[in-house]
Amino acid sequence: MVTTISFDSSTRPIYTHLEPIVDLILQHGNELARPYRWGENRSGFFCFLAKPIDFDLIESTFVLPETVRLVRSEGSVECDVTWATIKGGMALGV
């Protein structure tokens, strides 16, 4: 079954539409690279994962809006509306 990811500007936090992607990745063996799930810096919200992102898994599970990009060269999933990013292959740390 393929699930459609959609962004609703009235939903908070603004990265809520990316949560199913994080859930899927974690359920398939990845882990958080920080003690928290989402952080925020001047560039926006971010979720750091310890292992590389399985882009094929995401593509086979979700239909993504044009504003959510799989950036294989950067190892990330990025939202062009909210500036929220899921980044894989990050060193475990604090």
PDB file of N, CA and C in Angstrom:
ATOM      1  N   MET A   1       0.836  -1.184   0.000  1.00  0.00           N
ATOM      2  CA  MET A   1       0.000   0.000   0.000  1.00  0.00           C
ATOM      3  C   MET A   1       0.883   1.250   0.000  1.00  0.00           C
ATOM      4  N   VAL A   2       0.568   2.171  -0.870  1.00  0.00           N
ATOM      5  CA  VAL A   2       1.314   3.421  -0.960  1.00  0.00           C
ATOM      6  C   VAL A   2       0.488   4.521  -0.302  1.00  0.00           C
ATOM      7  N   THR A   3       1.146   5.311   0.529  1.00  0.00           N
ATOM      8  CA  THR A   3       0.499   6.392   1.268  1.00  0.00           C
ATOM      9  C   THR A   3       0.943   7.730   0.698  1.00  0.00           C
ATOM     10  N   THR A   4      -0.003   8.647   0.559  1.00  0.00           N
ATOM     11  CA  THR A   4       0.324   9.983   0.060  1.00  0.00           C
ATOM     12  C   THR A   4       0.690  10.892   1.221  1.00  0.00           C
ATOM     13  N   ILE A   5       1.828  11.541   1.091  1.00  0.00           N
ATOM     14  CA  ILE A   5       2.273  12.535   2.069  1.00  0.00           C
ATOM     15  C   ILE A   5       1.768  13.889   1.580  1.00  0.00           C
ATOM     16  N   SER A   6       1.131  14.627   2.471  1.00  0.00           N
ATOM     17  CA  SER A   6       0.670  15.962   2.081  1.00  0.00           C
ATOM     18  C   SER A   6       0.979  16.957   3.193  1.00  0.00           C
ATOM     19  N   PHE A   7       1.187  18.176   2.798  1.00  0.00           N
ATOM     20  CA  PHE A   7       1.507  19.258   3.725  1.00  0.00           C
ATOM     21  C   PHE A   7       0.278  20.104   3.962  1.00  0.00           C
ATOM     22  N   ASP A   8      -0.009  20.387   5.224  1.00  0.00           N
ATOM     23  CA  ASP A   8      -1.109  21.264   5.608  1.00  0.00           C
ATOM     24  C   ASP A   8      -0.501  22.407   6.415  1.00  0.00           C
ATOM     25  N   SER A   9      -0.541  23.603   5.896  1.00  0.00           N
ATOM     26  CA  SER A   9       0.117  24.745   6.538  1.00  0.00           C
ATOM     27  C   SER A   9      -0.454  25.088   7.909  1.00  0.00           C
ATOM     28  N   SER A  10      -1.646  24.595   8.226  1.00  0.00           N
ATOM     29  CA  SER A  10      -2.233  24.895   9.533  1.00  0.00           C
ATOM     30  C   SER A  10      -1.826  23.884  10.607  1.00  0.00           C
ATOM     31  N   THR A  11      -1.156  22.805  10.213  1.00  0.00           N
ATOM     32  CA  THR A  11      -0.754  21.759  11.158  1.00  0.00           C
ATOM     33  C   THR A  11       0.570  22.120  11.810  1.00  0.00           C
ATOM     34  N   ARG A  12       0.633  21.932  13.109  1.00  0.00           N
ATOM     35  CA  ARG A  12       1.864  22.174  13.861  1.00  0.00           C
ATOM     36  C   ARG A  12       2.253  20.922  14.597  1.00  0.00           C
ATOM     37  N   PRO A  13       3.519  20.657  14.798  1.00  0.00           N
ATOM     38  CA  PRO A  13       4.625  21.413  14.236  1.00  0.00           C
ATOM     39  C   PRO A  13       4.690  21.285  12.714  1.00  0.00           C
ATOM     40  N   ILE A  14       5.415  22.178  12.096  1.00  0.00           N
ATOM     41  CA  ILE A  14       5.394  22.267  10.633  1.00  0.00           C
ATOM     42  C   ILE A  14       6.019  21.066   9.936  1.00  0.00           C
ATOM     43  N   TYR A  15       6.758  20.251  10.664  1.00  0.00           N
ATOM     44  CA  TYR A  15       7.368  19.056  10.061  1.00  0.00           C
ATOM     45  C   TYR A  15       6.491  17.814  10.220  1.00  0.00           C
ATOM     46  N   THR A  16       5.274  17.957  10.687  1.00  0.00           N
ATOM     47  CA  THR A  16       4.374  16.821  10.926  1.00  0.00           C
ATOM     48  C   THR A  16       4.222  15.939   9.693  1.00  0.00           C
ATOM     49  N   HIS A  17       4.182  16.525   8.511  1.00  0.00           N
ATOM     50  CA  HIS A  17       4.008  15.728   7.287  1.00  0.00           C
ATOM     51  C   HIS A  17       5.196  14.813   7.011  1.00  0.00           C
ATOM     52  N   LEU A  18       6.353  15.093   7.626  1.00  0.00           N
ATOM     53  CA  LEU A  18       7.536  14.263   7.440  1.00  0.00           C
ATOM     54  C   LEU A  18       7.651  13.147   8.481  1.00  0.00           C
ATOM     55  N   GLU A  19       6.833  13.207   9.509  1.00  0.00           N
ATOM     56  CA  GLU A  19       6.889  12.208  10.583  1.00  0.00           C
ATOM     57  C   GLU A  19       6.672  10.773  10.078  1.00  0.00           C
ATOM     58  N   PRO A  20       5.722  10.520   9.161  1.00  0.00           N
ATOM     59  CA  PRO A  20       5.574   9.140   8.668  1.00  0.00           C
ATOM     60  C   PRO A  20       6.847   8.613   7.992  1.00  0.00           C
ATOM     61  N   ILE A  21       7.605   9.488   7.374  1.00  0.00           N
ATOM     62  CA  ILE A  21       8.864   9.078   6.744  1.00  0.00           C
ATOM     63  C   ILE A  21       9.869   8.680   7.815  1.00  0.00           C
ATOM     64  N   VAL A  22       9.999   9.496   8.857  1.00  0.00           N
ATOM     65  CA  VAL A  22      10.909   9.176   9.962  1.00  0.00           C
ATOM     66  C   VAL A  22      10.479   7.873  10.629  1.00  0.00           C
ATOM     67  N   ASP A  23       9.180   7.733  10.882  1.00  0.00           N
ATOM     68  CA  ASP A  23       8.671   6.498  11.501  1.00  0.00           C
ATOM     69  C   ASP A  23       9.066   5.272  10.678  1.00  0.00           C
ATOM     70  N   LEU A  24       8.856   5.339   9.374  1.00  0.00           N
ATOM     71  CA  LEU A  24       9.174   4.221   8.489  1.00  0.00           C
ATOM     72  C   LEU A  24      10.656   3.869   8.544  1.00  0.00           C
ATOM     73  N   ILE A  25      11.494   4.871   8.443  1.00  0.00           N
ATOM     74  CA  ILE A  25      12.938   4.654   8.445  1.00  0.00           C
ATOM     75  C   ILE A  25      13.382   4.013   9.764  1.00  0.00           C
ATOM     76  N   LEU A  26      12.842   4.512  10.874  1.00  0.00           N
ATOM     77  CA  LEU A  26      13.206   3.949  12.183  1.00  0.00           C
ATOM     78  C   LEU A  26      12.694   2.519  12.334  1.00  0.00           C
ATOM     79  N   GLN A  27      11.513   2.247  11.817  1.00  0.00           N
ATOM     80  CA  GLN A  27      10.952   0.895  11.899  1.00  0.00           C
ATOM     81  C   GLN A  27      11.775  -0.112  11.096  1.00  0.00           C
ATOM     82  N   HIS A  28      12.536   0.363  10.137  1.00  0.00           N
ATOM     83  CA  HIS A  28      13.343  -0.519   9.295  1.00  0.00           C
ATOM     84  C   HIS A  28      14.826  -0.510   9.679  1.00  0.00           C
ATOM     85  N   GLY A  29      15.112  -0.173  10.924  1.00  0.00           N
ATOM     86  CA  GLY A  29      16.455  -0.372  11.440  1.00  0.00           C
ATOM     87  C   GLY A  29      17.355   0.830  11.586  1.00  0.00           C
ATOM     88  N   ASN A  30      16.941   1.980  11.107  1.00  0.00           N
ATOM     89  CA  ASN A  30      17.769   3.160  11.315  1.00  0.00           C
ATOM     90  C   ASN A  30      17.566   3.616  12.753  1.00  0.00           C
ATOM     91  N   GLU A  31      18.337   4.569  13.204  1.00  0.00           N
ATOM     92  CA  GLU A  31      18.187   5.086  14.558  1.00  0.00           C
ATOM     93  C   GLU A  31      18.499   6.572  14.579  1.00  0.00           C
ATOM     94  N   LEU A  32      17.991   7.239  15.597  1.00  0.00           N
ATOM     95  CA  LEU A  32      18.260   8.659  15.747  1.00  0.00           C
ATOM     96  C   LEU A  32      19.736   8.857  16.070  1.00  0.00           C
ATOM     97  N   ALA A  33      20.344   9.869  15.488  1.00  0.00           N
ATOM     98  CA  ALA A  33      21.750  10.176  15.736  1.00  0.00           C
ATOM     99  C   ALA A  33      21.918  11.141  16.907  1.00  0.00           C
ATOM    100  N   ARG A  34      20.837  11.665  17.408  1.00  0.00           N
ATOM    101  CA  ARG A  34      20.857  12.581  18.548  1.00  0.00           C
ATOM    102  C   ARG A  34      19.859  12.083  19.589  1.00  0.00           C
ATOM    103  N   PRO A  35      19.953  12.569  20.822  1.00  0.00           N
ATOM    104  CA  PRO A  35      19.018  12.117  21.855  1.00  0.00           C
ATOM    105  C   PRO A  35      17.587  12.647  21.632  1.00  0.00           C
ATOM    106  N   TYR A  36      17.413  13.532  20.702  1.00  0.00           N
ATOM    107  CA  TYR A  36      16.109  14.098  20.382  1.00  0.00           C
ATOM    108  C   TYR A  36      15.748  13.753  18.944  1.00  0.00           C
ATOM    109  N   ARG A  37      14.452  13.757  18.654  1.00  0.00           N
ATOM    110  CA  ARG A  37      13.988  13.412  17.298  1.00  0.00           C
ATOM    111  C   ARG A  37      14.135  14.590  16.345  1.00  0.00           C
ATOM    112  N   TRP A  38      13.672  15.752  16.747  1.00  0.00           N
ATOM    113  CA  TRP A  38      13.746  16.949  15.909  1.00  0.00           C
ATOM    114  C   TRP A  38      14.484  18.051  16.657  1.00  0.00           C
ATOM    115  N   GLY A  39      15.372  18.713  15.951  1.00  0.00           N
ATOM    116  CA  GLY A  39      16.048  19.886  16.474  1.00  0.00           C
ATOM    117  C   GLY A  39      15.734  21.068  15.569  1.00  0.00           C
ATOM    118  N   GLU A  40      16.196  22.227  15.972  1.00  0.00           N
ATOM    119  CA  GLU A  40      15.957  23.427  15.163  1.00  0.00           C
ATOM    120  C   GLU A  40      17.196  24.309  15.211  1.00  0.00           C
ATOM    121  N   ASN A  41      17.556  24.834  14.050  1.00  0.00           N
ATOM    122  CA  ASN A  41      18.612  25.828  13.981  1.00  0.00           C
ATOM    123  C   ASN A  41      18.155  26.938  13.049  1.00  0.00           C
ATOM    124  N   ARG A  42      19.018  27.831  12.680  1.00  0.00           N
ATOM    125  CA  ARG A  42      18.591  28.969  11.850  1.00  0.00           C
ATOM    126  C   ARG A  42      18.136  28.558  10.460  1.00  0.00           C
ATOM    127  N   SER A  43      18.469  27.330  10.038  1.00  0.00           N
ATOM    128  CA  SER A  43      18.029  26.830   8.733  1.00  0.00           C
ATOM    129  C   SER A  43      16.673  26.147   8.788  1.00  0.00           C
ATOM    130  N   GLY A  44      16.182  25.846   9.994  1.00  0.00           N
ATOM    131  CA  GLY A  44      14.891  25.184  10.132  1.00  0.00           C
ATOM    132  C   GLY A  44      14.991  23.941  11.001  1.00  0.00           C
ATOM    133  N   PHE A  45      13.963  23.115  10.944  1.00  0.00           N
ATOM    134  CA  PHE A  45      13.915  21.889  11.731  1.00  0.00           C
ATOM    135  C   PHE A  45      14.706  20.796  11.032  1.00  0.00           C
ATOM    136  N   PHE A  46      15.317  19.910  11.836  1.00  0.00           N
ATOM    137  CA  PHE A  46      16.088  18.800  11.286  1.00  0.00           C
ATOM    138  C   PHE A  46      15.922  17.563  12.151  1.00  0.00           C
ATOM    139  N   CYS A  47      16.008  16.417  11.508  1.00  0.00           N
ATOM    140  CA  CYS A  47      16.026  15.116  12.169  1.00  0.00           C
ATOM    141  C   CYS A  47      17.253  14.386  11.640  1.00  0.00           C
ATOM    142  N   PHE A  48      18.201  14.068  12.532  1.00  0.00           N
ATOM    143  CA  PHE A  48      19.432  13.397  12.127  1.00  0.00           C
ATOM    144  C   PHE A  48      19.326  11.904  12.423  1.00  0.00           C
ATOM    145  N   LEU A  49      19.615  11.104  11.410  1.00  0.00           N
ATOM    146  CA  LEU A  49      19.591   9.644  11.527  1.00  0.00           C
ATOM    147  C   LEU A  49      21.004   9.102  11.415  1.00  0.00           C
ATOM    148  N   ALA A  50      21.286   8.037  12.155  1.00  0.00           N
ATOM    149  CA  ALA A  50      22.637   7.490  12.208  1.00  0.00           C
ATOM    150  C   ALA A  50      23.053   6.803  10.917  1.00  0.00           C
ATOM    151  N   LYS A  51      22.155   6.070  10.302  1.00  0.00           N
ATOM    152  CA  LYS A  51      22.481   5.304   9.103  1.00  0.00           C
ATOM    153  C   LYS A  51      21.990   6.043   7.855  1.00  0.00           C
ATOM    154  N   PRO A  52      22.520   5.699   6.707  1.00  0.00           N
ATOM    155  CA  PRO A  52      22.033   6.318   5.468  1.00  0.00           C
ATOM    156  C   PRO A  52      20.530   6.063   5.269  1.00  0.00           C
ATOM    157  N   ILE A  53      19.881   6.971   4.608  1.00  0.00           N
ATOM    158  CA  ILE A  53      18.440   6.863   4.335  1.00  0.00           C
ATOM    159  C   ILE A  53      18.203   5.870   3.205  1.00  0.00           C
ATOM    160  N   ASP A  54      17.226   5.015   3.393  1.00  0.00           N
ATOM    161  CA  ASP A  54      16.824   4.053   2.363  1.00  0.00           C
ATOM    162  C   ASP A  54      15.791   4.737   1.458  1.00  0.00           C
ATOM    163  N   PHE A  55      16.270   5.377   0.405  1.00  0.00           N
ATOM    164  CA  PHE A  55      15.394   6.129  -0.485  1.00  0.00           C
ATOM    165  C   PHE A  55      14.431   5.222  -1.244  1.00  0.00           C
ATOM    166  N   ASP A  56      14.876   4.025  -1.607  1.00  0.00           N
ATOM    167  CA  ASP A  56      13.990   3.087  -2.301  1.00  0.00           C
ATOM    168  C   ASP A  56      12.801   2.710  -1.419  1.00  0.00           C
ATOM    169  N   LEU A  57      13.039   2.530  -0.132  1.00  0.00           N
ATOM    170  CA  LEU A  57      11.964   2.225   0.813  1.00  0.00           C
ATOM    171  C   LEU A  57      10.946   3.370   0.856  1.00  0.00           C
ATOM    172  N   ILE A  58      11.429   4.584   0.903  1.00  0.00           N
ATOM    173  CA  ILE A  58      10.534   5.757   0.930  1.00  0.00           C
ATOM    174  C   ILE A  58       9.704   5.803  -0.349  1.00  0.00           C
ATOM    175  N   GLU A  59      10.363   5.644  -1.494  1.00  0.00           N
ATOM    176  CA  GLU A  59       9.656   5.712  -2.778  1.00  0.00           C
ATOM    177  C   GLU A  59       8.635   4.598  -2.949  1.00  0.00           C
ATOM    178  N   SER A  60       8.899   3.448  -2.381  1.00  0.00           N
ATOM    179  CA  SER A  60       7.949   2.340  -2.525  1.00  0.00           C
ATOM    180  C   SER A  60       6.802   2.417  -1.527  1.00  0.00           C
ATOM    181  N   THR A  61       6.918   3.310  -0.552  1.00  0.00           N
ATOM    182  CA  THR A  61       5.910   3.417   0.502  1.00  0.00           C
ATOM    183  C   THR A  61       5.056   4.673   0.380  1.00  0.00           C
ATOM    184  N   PHE A  62       5.628   5.752  -0.127  1.00  0.00           N
ATOM    185  CA  PHE A  62       4.944   7.048  -0.136  1.00  0.00           C
ATOM    186  C   PHE A  62       4.891   7.678  -1.526  1.00  0.00           C
ATOM    187  N   VAL A  63       3.841   8.445  -1.737  1.00  0.00           N
ATOM    188  CA  VAL A  63       3.763   9.384  -2.844  1.00  0.00           C
ATOM    189  C   VAL A  63       4.056  10.740  -2.218  1.00  0.00           C
ATOM    190  N   LEU A  64       5.115  11.366  -2.671  1.00  0.00           N
ATOM    191  CA  LEU A  64       5.547  12.631  -2.078  1.00  0.00           C
ATOM    192  C   LEU A  64       5.082  13.822  -2.907  1.00  0.00           C
ATOM    193  N   PRO A  65       4.743  14.919  -2.234  1.00  0.00           N
ATOM    194  CA  PRO A  65       4.412  16.130  -2.998  1.00  0.00           C
ATOM    195  C   PRO A  65       5.687  16.676  -3.648  1.00  0.00           C
ATOM    196  N   GLU A  66       5.537  17.516  -4.636  1.00  0.00           N
ATOM    197  CA  GLU A  66       6.692  18.096  -5.324  1.00  0.00           C
ATOM    198  C   GLU A  66       7.599  18.873  -4.386  1.00  0.00           C
ATOM    199  N   THR A  67       7.051  19.341  -3.284  1.00  0.00           N
ATOM    200  CA  THR A  67       7.823  20.160  -2.352  1.00  0.00           C
ATOM    201  C   THR A  67       8.701  19.334  -1.408  1.00  0.00           C
ATOM    202  N   VAL A  68       8.527  18.027  -1.394  1.00  0.00           N
ATOM    203  CA  VAL A  68       9.380  17.150  -0.584  1.00  0.00           C
ATOM    204  C   VAL A  68      10.305  16.409  -1.542  1.00  0.00           C
ATOM    205  N   ARG A  69      11.593  16.681  -1.388  1.00  0.00           N
ATOM    206  CA  ARG A  69      12.582  16.135  -2.320  1.00  0.00           C
ATOM    207  C   ARG A  69      13.480  15.106  -1.648  1.00  0.00           C
ATOM    208  N   LEU A  70      13.749  14.033  -2.371  1.00  0.00           N
ATOM    209  CA  LEU A  70      14.738  13.052  -1.946  1.00  0.00           C
ATOM    210  C   LEU A  70      16.062  13.469  -2.573  1.00  0.00           C
ATOM    211  N   VAL A  71      16.995  13.882  -1.750  1.00  0.00           N
ATOM    212  CA  VAL A  71      18.273  14.399  -2.250  1.00  0.00           C
ATOM    213  C   VAL A  71      19.344  13.350  -1.959  1.00  0.00           C
ATOM    214  N   ARG A  72      19.448  12.410  -2.858  1.00  0.00           N
ATOM    215  CA  ARG A  72      20.376  11.291  -2.667  1.00  0.00           C
ATOM    216  C   ARG A  72      21.829  11.762  -2.513  1.00  0.00           C
ATOM    217  N   SER A  73      22.220  12.756  -3.265  1.00  0.00           N
ATOM    218  CA  SER A  73      23.597  13.241  -3.216  1.00  0.00           C
ATOM    219  C   SER A  73      23.965  13.814  -1.847  1.00  0.00           C
ATOM    220  N   GLU A  74      22.967  14.279  -1.115  1.00  0.00           N
ATOM    221  CA  GLU A  74      23.185  14.846   0.219  1.00  0.00           C
ATOM    222  C   GLU A  74      22.767  13.882   1.324  1.00  0.00           C
ATOM    223  N   GLY A  75      22.132  12.761   0.951  1.00  0.00           N
ATOM    224  CA  GLY A  75      21.651  11.805   1.947  1.00  0.00           C
ATOM    225  C   GLY A  75      20.527  12.363   2.781  1.00  0.00           C
ATOM    226  N   SER A  76      19.629  13.132   2.131  1.00  0.00           N
ATOM    227  CA  SER A  76      18.589  13.815   2.904  1.00  0.00           C
ATOM    228  C   SER A  76      17.229  13.835   2.209  1.00  0.00           C
ATOM    229  N   VAL A  77      16.226  14.100   3.023  1.00  0.00           N
ATOM    230  CA  VAL A  77      14.866  14.369   2.565  1.00  0.00           C
ATOM    231  C   VAL A  77      14.602  15.806   2.971  1.00  0.00           C
ATOM    232  N   GLU A  78      14.206  16.646   2.026  1.00  0.00           N
ATOM    233  CA  GLU A  78      14.064  18.069   2.302  1.00  0.00           C
ATOM    234  C   GLU A  78      12.706  18.583   1.856  1.00  0.00           C
ATOM    235  N   CYS A  79      12.136  19.444   2.682  1.00  0.00           N
ATOM    236  CA  CYS A  79      10.870  20.093   2.352  1.00  0.00           C
ATOM    237  C   CYS A  79      11.156  21.532   1.952  1.00  0.00           C
ATOM    238  N   ASP A  80      10.757  21.886   0.741  1.00  0.00           N
ATOM    239  CA  ASP A  80      11.004  23.229   0.225  1.00  0.00           C
ATOM    240  C   ASP A  80      10.046  24.272   0.782  1.00  0.00           C
ATOM    241  N   VAL A  81       8.993  23.846   1.459  1.00  0.00           N
ATOM    242  CA  VAL A  81       8.033  24.786   2.044  1.00  0.00           C
ATOM    243  C   VAL A  81       8.422  25.132   3.483  1.00  0.00           C
ATOM    244  N   THR A  82       8.752  24.106   4.266  1.00  0.00           N
ATOM    245  CA  THR A  82       9.005  24.305   5.702  1.00  0.00           C
ATOM    246  C   THR A  82      10.490  24.386   6.037  1.00  0.00           C
ATOM    247  N   TRP A  83      11.349  24.019   5.102  1.00  0.00           N
ATOM    248  CA  TRP A  83      12.795  23.953   5.302  1.00  0.00           C
ATOM    249  C   TRP A  83      13.189  22.865   6.298  1.00  0.00           C
ATOM    250  N   ALA A  84      12.285  21.956   6.598  1.00  0.00           N
ATOM    251  CA  ALA A  84      12.587  20.823   7.479  1.00  0.00           C
ATOM    252  C   ALA A  84      13.373  19.790   6.684  1.00  0.00           C
ATOM    253  N   THR A  85      14.327  19.152   7.345  1.00  0.00           N
ATOM    254  CA  THR A  85      15.220  18.195   6.696  1.00  0.00           C
ATOM    255  C   THR A  85      15.383  16.944   7.541  1.00  0.00           C
ATOM    256  N   ILE A  86      15.368  15.807   6.864  1.00  0.00           N
ATOM    257  CA  ILE A  86      15.743  14.536   7.476  1.00  0.00           C
ATOM    258  C   ILE A  86      17.082  14.178   6.846  1.00  0.00           C
ATOM    259  N   LYS A  87      18.110  13.983   7.657  1.00  0.00           N
ATOM    260  CA  LYS A  87      19.446  13.713   7.117  1.00  0.00           C
ATOM    261  C   LYS A  87      19.981  12.421   7.693  1.00  0.00           C
ATOM    262  N   GLY A  88      20.427  11.548   6.804  1.00  0.00           N
ATOM    263  CA  GLY A  88      20.964  10.266   7.213  1.00  0.00           C
ATOM    264  C   GLY A  88      22.482  10.249   7.212  1.00  0.00           C
ATOM    265  N   GLY A  89      23.039   9.193   7.818  1.00  0.00           N
ATOM    266  CA  GLY A  89      24.482   9.024   7.829  1.00  0.00           C
ATOM    267  C   GLY A  89      25.202   9.976   8.748  1.00  0.00           C
ATOM    268  N   MET A  90      24.530  10.422   9.791  1.00  0.00           N
ATOM    269  CA  MET A  90      25.127  11.365  10.730  1.00  0.00           C
ATOM    270  C   MET A  90      25.790  10.592  11.872  1.00  0.00           C
ATOM    271  N   ALA A  91      26.899  11.101  12.356  1.00  0.00           N
ATOM    272  CA  ALA A  91      27.601  10.472  13.475  1.00  0.00           C
ATOM    273  C   ALA A  91      26.727  10.544  14.733  1.00  0.00           C
ATOM    274  N   LEU A  92      26.751   9.476  15.501  1.00  0.00           N
ATOM    275  CA  LEU A  92      26.036   9.499  16.777  1.00  0.00           C
ATOM    276  C   LEU A  92      26.666  10.539  17.665  1.00  0.00           C
ATOM    277  N   GLY A  93      25.844  11.308  18.338  1.00  0.00           N
ATOM    278  CA  GLY A  93      26.384  12.365  19.190  1.00  0.00           C
ATOM    279  C   GLY A  93      25.307  13.048  19.991  1.00  0.00           C
ATOM    280  N   VAL A  94      25.686  14.145  20.556  1.00  0.00           N
ATOM    281  CA  VAL A  94      24.755  14.928  21.378  1.00  0.00           C
ATOM    282  C   VAL A  94      24.474  16.255  20.742  1.00  0.00           C
TER     283      VAL A  94
END
